[in-house]
Amino acid sequence: MTKIAGAGISGLSCAAKLSESQEVTVFEKSKDLGAKFGQSVFAVRAYNTQKDFNEELKEIGFKNVSLYPIYTSKKFSPSLNCQTLKSKKPLFYNVLRGKSSESIEANLYERCKNNGVEFIFGKAADFEDVDVIATGARDVKITGLGEAPYSRVGSGTAGDYPCKFGYGANFVDASIENNTIYIFYDMNYAPQGYLYVAPFKESVTIASVGFDVSKFKEMPKIFGKALKENKILSEIIDGATELSHFSYISDYFLPKTAIIKGKYYIGEAAGFGEASKGFGFRYALLSGYFAANSILEKYDYDQLWKNSFLQELKEGLKARSMIQKMTNQDYESLIAIYKNIDNLQDYMKKKSRIFNL
C-alpha cells in the first residue's frame, strides 16, 4: 500500500503506475479533481528535446491522450512588433487541464480508478502518514502569497529560490488562429516574465507569468489592464465566454535529493520546473512515473530524474539570471533582430539563452 498526498498531475501519474501492481490511496485537500486551474490549457515544449513528448507519453503508459499541436508561435514586443516562427513539426503540444473528458487529469484519473485507486477528496493527508509528496506549487490566494501545505525539499521562500507566479483566465470561443501560440513580452503586463495565449480547440487560456514576486499581489489588476489595453488580446477575447480565473506561485531549485526521510517528492513539490520559462508539466508527469518505478522496482529515484531532466533545470536557472535583467527596450531589440527568421532550423542556430521559445 502506498499513500500519496496530492491528486495533481504528478500525484496522478505516480498513482497510475503504482496501481498496476499494488494498492494506492490518494489524498486531495480540494473537493474535486482539477480544481486549482479549472479548464485551462498548458503548453509542453516539443522543440529541441531528446524525445517527442507524444512518444514519451506512450512510453510511460498513456493511451489516447488528447494533444493539440502548435506549429506556429507569434512573439510580440511591447510595441506589438511581431516575430512569427513556423515549423512542420510541433513546437509545442498543448494539453487541457480540469474536468473535461479530454483533459490530462481525466485520462490519468480513469486509469487510476480502473486499477482500483482509492481517492479521498476534501481531506489533506497527515504528512507523517504518506509515502509520496505531490502537493504541487505553493497554495496561494489572490490577496497573498500563502504557505506551503507540507514541508518541501528545500526551505524555499520567494527570497531563497527563483520563483514564478502566474495569474490567468480560461475562455471558450475566443478568436485565435488555429495551432498557434501567442507570447507577449511587456513588463507592464508580465513583470520580468511573459504573457501567453494558449489554445486547445475551442478552449483558450490567457495568463501572465512573472518572476518579480513583489508584484504578485498586483497581478489581478495588471492582468485586467493587459486584457483592456492590448488590442490583440482585446480582439481575441471579444465575444468569448470567460470560465474561470486562477493564480499560483512556484519555487524552483535543484535538490541534491528528492527523497527526504523516506518520502518521495515529485513535481513542483520537489522544485522541478524550468526557471526561465516555467515549464513544469512534463517534469510532473515524469517524476511521478519515476517515483513509482523506484518504489516498485527499487530503482534509484534521484538517478532517474537527474538523468532525464537535471541538465534542463540547470540551463533554466542560468537563463533566469539573465532574464531578470531584461527591460522592455531589450525585448524590442530582440524582436527586431529575430523578426525575419521564420523557420525553426535557422532560429535554433541563432537563438540566445534569453530568447528561447
Protein backbone atom coordinates (compact mmCIF):
# COMPACT_ATOMS: atom_id res chain seq x y z
CA MET A 1 0.00 0.00 0.00
CA THR A 2 1.32 3.43 -0.99
CA LYS A 3 -0.24 6.70 0.15
CA ILE A 4 0.11 9.86 -1.94
CA ALA A 5 -0.56 13.45 -0.86
CA GLY A 6 -1.95 15.37 -3.82
CA ALA A 7 -4.07 14.49 -6.87
CA GLY A 8 -2.43 16.87 -9.31
CA ILE A 9 -0.54 15.76 -12.40
CA SER A 10 2.48 14.31 -10.56
CA GLY A 11 0.36 12.52 -7.95
CA LEU A 12 -1.96 11.03 -10.57
CA SER A 13 0.99 9.95 -12.72
CA CYS A 14 2.57 8.20 -9.74
CA ALA A 15 -0.71 6.57 -8.70
CA ALA A 16 -1.48 5.33 -12.22
CA LYS A 17 1.82 3.47 -12.45
CA LEU A 18 1.86 2.18 -8.87
CA SER A 19 -1.69 0.86 -9.08
CA GLU A 20 -0.69 -1.58 -11.79
CA SER A 21 0.97 -3.64 -9.05
CA GLN A 22 -0.28 -2.55 -5.63
CA GLU A 23 -2.96 -0.76 -3.64
CA VAL A 24 -2.80 3.04 -3.68
CA THR A 25 -4.63 5.75 -1.74
CA VAL A 26 -4.53 9.39 -2.86
CA PHE A 27 -5.44 12.27 -0.55
CA GLU A 28 -6.53 15.55 -2.13
CA LYS A 29 -7.46 18.53 0.01
CA SER A 30 -9.64 20.04 -2.75
CA LYS A 31 -13.15 18.68 -3.06
CA ASP A 32 -12.78 17.71 -6.70
CA LEU A 33 -10.28 16.88 -9.41
CA GLY A 34 -8.67 19.71 -11.37
CA ALA A 35 -9.98 22.42 -9.06
CA LYS A 36 -6.85 24.56 -8.98
CA PHE A 37 -6.53 25.65 -12.61
CA GLY A 38 -10.02 24.91 -13.94
CA GLN A 39 -10.40 24.14 -17.65
CA SER A 40 -7.03 25.61 -18.54
CA VAL A 41 -4.56 24.97 -21.35
CA PHE A 42 -0.90 24.18 -20.69
CA ALA A 43 1.86 24.22 -23.30
CA VAL A 44 4.53 21.49 -23.28
CA ARG A 45 7.73 22.25 -25.18
CA ALA A 46 8.28 19.95 -28.18
CA TYR A 47 11.24 21.61 -29.91
CA ASN A 48 14.88 20.84 -29.11
CA THR A 49 14.04 17.90 -26.83
CA GLN A 50 15.62 14.45 -26.61
CA LYS A 51 12.28 12.74 -27.19
CA ASP A 52 9.00 13.71 -28.80
CA PHE A 53 6.51 14.36 -25.99
CA ASN A 54 3.84 12.22 -27.63
CA GLU A 55 6.23 9.26 -27.81
CA GLU A 56 7.35 9.92 -24.24
CA LEU A 57 3.74 9.69 -23.07
CA LYS A 58 3.33 6.31 -24.74
CA GLU A 59 6.50 5.05 -23.05
CA ILE A 60 5.09 5.84 -19.61
CA GLY A 61 1.75 4.17 -20.27
CA PHE A 62 -0.53 6.82 -21.76
CA LYS A 63 -3.08 5.85 -24.39
CA ASN A 64 -5.46 8.05 -26.37
CA VAL A 65 -4.13 11.30 -24.92
CA SER A 66 -5.65 14.45 -26.42
CA LEU A 67 -2.81 16.71 -27.57
CA TYR A 68 -3.20 19.92 -29.55
CA PRO A 69 -0.08 20.52 -31.69
CA ILE A 70 1.27 24.05 -32.11
CA TYR A 71 3.08 24.70 -35.39
CA THR A 72 3.30 28.50 -35.20
CA SER A 73 4.46 30.83 -32.45
CA LYS A 74 4.00 34.58 -32.53
CA LYS A 75 6.12 36.71 -30.21
CA PHE A 76 5.26 40.33 -29.60
CA SER A 77 7.39 43.17 -28.27
CA PRO A 78 5.86 45.84 -26.00
CA SER A 79 5.02 47.90 -29.12
CA LEU A 80 3.41 44.75 -30.65
CA ASN A 81 6.15 44.31 -33.22
CA CYS A 82 5.79 40.62 -34.13
CA GLN A 83 8.14 37.75 -34.91
CA THR A 84 6.42 34.68 -36.40
CA LEU A 85 8.04 31.26 -36.34
CA LYS A 86 6.61 28.30 -38.25
CA SER A 87 7.58 24.63 -38.11
CA LYS A 88 6.48 21.47 -39.91
CA LYS A 89 6.88 19.59 -36.63
CA PRO A 90 5.14 20.71 -33.43
CA LEU A 91 6.82 23.49 -31.47
CA PHE A 92 4.55 22.71 -28.53
CA TYR A 93 1.91 20.21 -27.58
CA ASN A 94 -0.93 21.91 -25.73
CA VAL A 95 -2.82 19.86 -23.16
CA LEU A 96 -6.15 20.51 -21.48
CA ARG A 97 -6.45 20.55 -17.69
CA GLY A 98 -9.53 20.21 -15.48
CA LYS A 99 -12.64 18.04 -15.58
CA SER A 100 -13.19 17.81 -19.33
CA SER A 101 -13.16 14.29 -20.76
CA GLU A 102 -10.23 15.41 -22.95
CA SER A 103 -8.14 16.67 -20.03
CA ILE A 104 -4.93 15.03 -18.89
CA GLU A 105 -6.38 14.71 -15.36
CA ALA A 106 -9.39 12.80 -16.71
CA ASN A 107 -7.10 10.42 -18.60
CA LEU A 108 -4.99 9.70 -15.53
CA TYR A 109 -7.97 9.54 -13.17
CA GLU A 110 -9.71 6.95 -15.35
CA ARG A 111 -6.57 4.80 -15.39
CA CYS A 112 -6.31 5.07 -11.62
CA LYS A 113 -9.96 4.21 -10.99
CA ASN A 114 -9.78 1.24 -13.36
CA ASN A 115 -6.83 -0.01 -11.31
CA GLY A 116 -8.70 0.38 -8.03
CA VAL A 117 -7.01 3.51 -6.63
CA GLU A 118 -8.87 4.96 -3.63
CA PHE A 119 -9.32 8.74 -3.74
CA ILE A 120 -10.12 10.74 -0.61
CA PHE A 121 -11.16 14.26 -1.63
CA GLY A 122 -11.64 17.19 0.70
CA LYS A 123 -9.00 15.98 3.14
CA ALA A 124 -5.35 16.92 3.49
CA ALA A 125 -3.23 13.91 4.32
CA ASP A 126 -1.25 13.57 7.53
CA PHE A 127 2.30 14.29 6.38
CA GLU A 128 3.76 11.55 8.56
CA ASP A 129 1.35 9.00 7.10
CA VAL A 130 2.11 9.40 3.38
CA ASP A 131 4.86 7.98 1.19
CA VAL A 132 4.79 10.41 -1.74
CA ILE A 133 4.54 14.22 -1.58
CA ALA A 134 2.79 15.57 -4.68
CA THR A 135 1.32 18.77 -3.28
CA GLY A 136 2.34 20.93 -6.22
CA ALA A 137 3.14 24.61 -6.15
CA ARG A 138 2.52 26.77 -3.12
CA ASP A 139 -1.10 27.13 -2.12
CA VAL A 140 -1.96 30.77 -2.76
CA LYS A 141 -4.82 33.19 -2.59
CA ILE A 142 -5.28 36.20 -4.83
CA THR A 143 -4.67 38.53 -1.90
CA GLY A 144 -1.45 36.95 -0.66
CA LEU A 145 1.37 34.54 -1.20
CA GLY A 146 0.04 31.76 1.01
CA GLU A 147 2.04 28.98 2.61
CA ALA A 148 3.16 25.54 1.51
CA PRO A 149 0.85 22.85 2.93
CA TYR A 150 3.78 20.49 3.51
CA SER A 151 7.49 20.74 4.15
CA ARG A 152 9.48 20.83 0.94
CA VAL A 153 12.81 19.53 -0.23
CA GLY A 154 14.24 23.00 0.38
CA SER A 155 13.09 25.68 2.77
CA GLY A 156 12.31 27.81 -0.25
CA THR A 157 10.57 31.13 0.04
CA ALA A 158 10.28 33.79 -2.60
CA GLY A 159 13.61 35.21 -1.49
CA ASP A 160 15.54 31.95 -1.29
CA TYR A 161 14.95 30.42 -4.71
CA PRO A 162 13.97 31.54 -8.19
CA CYS A 163 10.23 31.98 -8.09
CA LYS A 164 7.49 32.03 -10.73
CA PHE A 165 3.98 33.31 -10.23
CA GLY A 166 1.05 33.48 -12.55
CA TYR A 167 -2.43 34.86 -12.90
CA GLY A 168 -4.72 33.93 -15.76
CA ALA A 169 -8.17 33.25 -17.11
CA ASN A 170 -9.77 30.46 -19.12
CA PHE A 171 -12.11 31.15 -22.04
CA VAL A 172 -14.11 29.31 -24.67
CA ASP A 173 -14.93 30.55 -28.17
CA ALA A 174 -12.08 33.07 -28.30
CA SER A 175 -10.75 34.29 -31.65
CA ILE A 176 -7.26 32.91 -32.23
CA GLU A 177 -5.52 31.30 -35.18
CA ASN A 178 -5.55 27.50 -35.18
CA ASN A 179 -2.44 25.69 -33.90
CA THR A 180 -0.80 28.98 -32.90
CA ILE A 181 0.53 30.22 -29.58
CA TYR A 182 0.99 33.92 -28.79
CA ILE A 183 3.69 35.20 -26.43
CA PHE A 184 3.89 38.82 -25.29
CA TYR A 185 6.96 40.40 -23.68
CA ASP A 186 5.96 43.53 -21.77
CA MET A 187 7.00 44.40 -18.22
CA ASN A 188 3.76 46.33 -17.78
CA TYR A 189 1.70 43.16 -18.16
CA ALA A 190 4.16 40.44 -17.07
CA PRO A 191 6.79 41.67 -14.57
CA GLN A 192 10.15 40.19 -15.65
CA GLY A 193 8.23 37.45 -17.46
CA TYR A 194 5.80 36.98 -20.34
CA LEU A 195 2.10 36.72 -21.14
CA TYR A 196 0.86 33.82 -23.25
CA VAL A 197 -2.26 32.81 -25.15
CA ALA A 198 -2.58 29.03 -25.50
CA PRO A 199 -5.43 27.34 -27.43
CA PHE A 200 -6.85 23.83 -27.26
CA LYS A 201 -9.65 23.51 -29.82
CA GLU A 202 -12.41 25.84 -28.52
CA SER A 203 -10.64 26.43 -25.17
CA VAL A 204 -8.11 29.22 -24.67
CA THR A 205 -6.04 30.19 -21.64
CA ILE A 206 -4.51 33.64 -21.29
CA ALA A 207 -2.06 34.03 -18.43
CA SER A 208 0.59 36.42 -17.23
CA VAL A 209 3.72 34.75 -15.85
CA GLY A 210 6.03 36.89 -13.75
CA PHE A 211 9.32 36.49 -11.92
CA ASP A 212 9.27 39.68 -9.81
CA VAL A 213 7.43 38.25 -6.81
CA SER A 214 6.93 41.69 -5.25
CA LYS A 215 4.29 42.26 -7.94
CA PHE A 216 2.24 39.14 -7.19
CA LYS A 217 -0.48 40.86 -5.19
CA GLU A 218 -0.97 43.33 -8.03
CA MET A 219 -1.48 40.65 -10.67
CA PRO A 220 -5.31 40.75 -10.91
CA LYS A 221 -5.08 44.47 -11.67
CA ILE A 222 -2.11 44.06 -14.03
CA PHE A 223 -3.80 41.19 -15.88
CA GLY A 224 -7.07 43.09 -16.26
CA LYS A 225 -5.14 46.06 -17.61
CA ALA A 226 -3.48 43.84 -20.22
CA LEU A 227 -6.81 42.50 -21.47
CA LYS A 228 -8.18 46.02 -21.84
CA GLU A 229 -5.16 47.87 -23.23
CA ASN A 230 -3.52 45.29 -25.50
CA LYS A 231 -5.51 45.47 -28.75
CA ILE A 232 -4.57 41.94 -29.84
CA LEU A 233 -5.74 40.44 -26.55
CA SER A 234 -8.92 42.52 -26.69
CA GLU A 235 -9.71 41.15 -30.14
CA ILE A 236 -9.02 37.57 -29.02
CA ILE A 237 -11.49 37.68 -26.12
CA ASP A 238 -14.13 39.80 -27.88
CA GLY A 239 -17.24 37.60 -27.85
CA ALA A 240 -15.56 34.84 -25.81
CA THR A 241 -17.01 33.36 -22.63
CA GLU A 242 -14.82 33.52 -19.55
CA LEU A 243 -14.95 30.34 -17.45
CA SER A 244 -12.63 30.98 -14.52
CA HIS A 245 -9.54 32.68 -13.12
CA PHE A 246 -6.56 31.05 -11.43
CA SER A 247 -3.36 32.05 -9.64
CA TYR A 248 -0.29 30.20 -8.40
CA ILE A 249 3.29 30.61 -7.23
CA SER A 250 6.16 28.14 -7.55
CA ASP A 251 9.70 27.89 -6.22
CA TYR A 252 12.40 26.35 -8.40
CA PHE A 253 15.54 24.78 -7.03
CA LEU A 254 17.89 21.88 -7.71
CA PRO A 255 17.65 19.44 -4.80
CA LYS A 256 20.59 17.14 -4.19
CA THR A 257 17.99 14.51 -3.43
CA ALA A 258 14.21 14.38 -3.82
CA ILE A 259 13.85 11.72 -1.14
CA ILE A 260 13.63 13.18 2.36
CA LYS A 261 13.10 11.00 5.42
CA GLY A 262 11.99 8.17 3.17
CA LYS A 263 9.36 10.24 1.35
CA TYR A 264 9.40 10.80 -2.40
CA TYR A 265 8.92 14.40 -3.52
CA ILE A 266 7.61 14.78 -7.05
CA GLY A 267 6.61 17.57 -9.43
CA GLU A 268 6.66 21.13 -8.15
CA ALA A 269 6.71 19.88 -4.55
CA ALA A 270 10.29 18.86 -5.34
CA GLY A 271 11.08 22.18 -7.02
CA PHE A 272 11.01 20.68 -10.52
CA GLY A 273 10.37 23.43 -13.04
CA GLU A 274 12.21 25.28 -15.80
CA ALA A 275 13.11 28.52 -14.04
CA SER A 276 13.36 30.81 -17.08
CA LYS A 277 10.07 29.92 -18.78
CA GLY A 278 8.13 28.00 -16.19
CA PHE A 279 7.70 24.67 -18.00
CA GLY A 280 6.88 22.10 -15.33
CA PHE A 281 4.10 19.91 -16.69
CA ARG A 282 6.41 17.34 -18.29
CA TYR A 283 8.58 17.15 -15.17
CA ALA A 284 5.48 16.49 -13.07
CA LEU A 285 4.44 13.56 -15.25
CA LEU A 286 7.92 12.07 -15.43
CA SER A 287 8.87 12.48 -11.77
CA GLY A 288 5.62 10.81 -10.70
CA TYR A 289 6.34 7.91 -13.02
CA PHE A 290 9.98 7.70 -11.87
CA ALA A 291 8.99 7.66 -8.19
CA ALA A 292 6.52 4.84 -8.85
CA ASN A 293 9.18 2.81 -10.67
CA SER A 294 11.57 3.42 -7.80
CA ILE A 295 9.03 2.11 -5.29
CA LEU A 296 8.06 -0.89 -7.42
CA GLU A 297 11.41 -1.90 -8.88
CA LYS A 298 13.84 -0.43 -6.31
CA TYR A 299 15.38 1.87 -8.93
CA ASP A 300 17.32 4.93 -7.78
CA TYR A 301 14.72 7.70 -7.99
CA ASP A 302 17.26 10.51 -7.83
CA GLN A 303 19.27 8.98 -10.64
CA LEU A 304 16.17 8.61 -12.81
CA TRP A 305 15.06 12.23 -12.63
CA LYS A 306 18.59 13.58 -12.83
CA ASN A 307 19.33 11.57 -15.97
CA SER A 308 16.08 12.73 -17.54
CA PHE A 309 15.92 16.47 -16.91
CA LEU A 310 18.53 17.79 -14.46
CA GLN A 311 20.52 19.44 -17.26
CA GLU A 312 17.39 21.23 -18.49
CA LEU A 313 16.76 22.57 -14.98
CA LYS A 314 20.34 23.86 -14.77
CA GLU A 315 20.05 25.63 -18.12
CA GLY A 316 16.82 27.23 -16.98
CA LEU A 317 18.47 28.65 -13.87
CA LYS A 318 21.30 30.12 -15.95
CA ALA A 319 18.85 31.77 -18.33
CA ARG A 320 16.77 33.05 -15.43
CA SER A 321 19.64 35.15 -14.07
CA MET A 322 19.86 36.90 -17.44
CA ILE A 323 16.11 37.34 -17.98
CA GLN A 324 15.73 39.17 -14.68
CA LYS A 325 17.93 41.94 -16.10
CA MET A 326 15.83 42.43 -19.24
CA THR A 327 13.92 45.64 -19.98
CA ASN A 328 11.17 46.45 -22.46
CA GLN A 329 13.74 48.09 -24.72
CA ASP A 330 15.79 44.89 -24.68
CA TYR A 331 12.77 42.93 -25.89
CA GLU A 332 12.08 45.49 -28.60
CA SER A 333 15.64 44.99 -29.83
CA LEU A 334 15.47 41.19 -29.71
CA ILE A 335 12.18 41.02 -31.60
CA ALA A 336 13.67 43.30 -34.26
CA ILE A 337 16.72 41.02 -34.59
CA TYR A 338 14.64 37.85 -34.90
CA LYS A 339 11.75 39.27 -36.90
CA ASN A 340 12.93 38.00 -40.27
CA ILE A 341 13.71 34.47 -39.06
CA ASP A 342 10.63 32.37 -39.77
CA ASN A 343 11.86 28.76 -39.70
CA LEU A 344 12.89 26.66 -36.72
CA GLN A 345 16.25 25.47 -38.06
CA ASP A 346 17.62 28.99 -38.56
CA TYR A 347 16.06 30.13 -35.30
CA MET A 348 17.78 27.42 -33.25
CA LYS A 349 21.15 28.34 -34.79
CA LYS A 350 20.77 31.98 -33.81
CA LYS A 351 18.73 31.96 -30.63
CA SER A 352 20.20 33.22 -27.40
CA ARG A 353 19.79 31.67 -23.97
CA ILE A 354 17.45 34.52 -23.05
CA PHE A 355 15.19 34.46 -26.06
CA ASN A 356 14.21 30.82 -26.28
CA LEU A 357 10.67 29.80 -27.16
